[in-house]
Amino acid sequence: MPMTVVRRRRGVFPRLRKRMRNSFLFVPFAGLLIGWVLATVVIRADSLIHDLDARWTAVDLSGLWFLRTAADFGSAARTAVAAVSSAMLTFIGVVFSITLVALQMAAGRFSPRVLRIYVESWVTKLTLGTFLCTFLYTLRVQKEYGSAGEDSDAVVPYLGASLAMGFLLLSLALFVVYVHSTIRLMRVTYVMDRVCQESLRLIRDSAGPARAAAGGAGEGADPGGTTVGHVWRPGVLQAVDVPRLVALAARDGLVLHLVPRIGDYLVPHAPLFRVAGGPAPSDADLQAALELGVERTTEQDLAFGIRQLADIASRALSPAVNDPTTAVQALDRIQVLLTAFARQPLGRAYHRDAYGAVRLVETLPSWPELLDLGLTEVRDYGIGSVQITRRIAACLDDLERLAPPDRREPVRRHRDLLEEAVHTTAATPQRAAFALQPDRQGIG
């Protein structure tokens, strides 16, 4: 089995960026803070303008819009700010309701695994944050100037009302973008394309220069050595800080073998590392290089994209839904990912230090495992649908043609399983032959 050096492009402050992306708190709270600070600044600025206007009453500045008298501008400005404040509260309720409906529909129609797409949507966060900012800002401005009435000596919200109108225009524009984005996320084809594109990007970023399995001493086999157990909290292994582990192993002259795969759920005392070449590093050093969470993510999990697409197809094939066309569309994307994996080095990743010595061995999904993940459940749940069997047959034809010779046997095994299942369920040989005829659209 060929080897690969997997690159981990995590950027600057990866954990902070990930928490911000997965959190629905940061942007709305930032909007509230910005609204409060802007209101404070604008109220102070309007007070300064009022003082200057009072000092320069002898100068004719009536042609400047920001220095109109309170009688001309004050009453209308306060009314407009109050109207914007009331409207923002209604808009916030609408956004919250639409978001909840979208989440419920995604969990029921697609898969709970795709809810992260909605949570990570910056459009939703920015829209809610802007609405909260506008609401708090206008509420403070209204409170500051709302009781002034028609008092000619009252501070007029020149800047405050103008900025409120600007926030209103921005909020309306974001609301249109938000509705468009949410409607698009409710379409299963867009969600599947989003999952497919994320997985393809991960496959490209994870590809490294391939080398022969017998290319170096000690390569192609587990390092063995001391076993280090997982002593941290339980959770899903979401990401591995490869440069940190490589530097840690190079410092002590070790070879580390990461036992679980990314996407595995780690339980306490389960084997975590096997360490060869010396004493194992401290548990704190090893655990600090691993990132755990409550669910799988697309950050480094190569198989998670296929898992999501297979879940969508399985849910579409359930008797309660009975939507084989959606399952065929999921198979289209599954084939795209399997084709991308067909010539990709799989099985294990060998990470090297600056001198070319292997320091970290990581287990990756194998080609047969990826085939099983993408096709087994869809075949079992959709064996009674001719549309599904014909699409799987076309997928197997393409994969057998495109895969290297050493990877064609697992494809033939799936073809044998498909034929066996069809002949078992079909009432006549003619129906079986029709169900096994390759068709990229199922039945067209």
Foldseek 3Di string as FASTA:
>chain_A
DWAFAFDAPQDPPNVVVVCVLQDLPPLQVVLLVLLVVVLVVLVVVLVVLLVVCVVVVVDPPCVDPLNHFCQVAFVVLLVLLVVLLVVLVVVLVVLVVLLVVLLVLCCQQANNVLSSVSSSDVLSSNLSSLSSSLNNNSVSVNVQRVPVPSPRSGRGSSVSSVVSVVSVVVNVVSVVVVVVVSVLSSDLLSSLVVLLVLLVVLLVNGGGDIDDQPPDPPGPDAQAADWDWDADAKFAFADFQVVLQQVVCVVQVKAKEADDAHGDIHDGRHTGIHIPDDDDDDNVSRVVRTDGDHGYDSSNANLVSLLSLLRSLLSCLDPVNVHNQSNLSSLVSLLVSLLSCQPGDAQWHFHHDPVRDTRYIYGGDDSLRSVCSNPVSNCVSCVVALLSLQQLLQSLVVSCVRHDPVNNVSSVVVVVVSLVSNVVPDPDVVSSVSSNHHDSSSVD
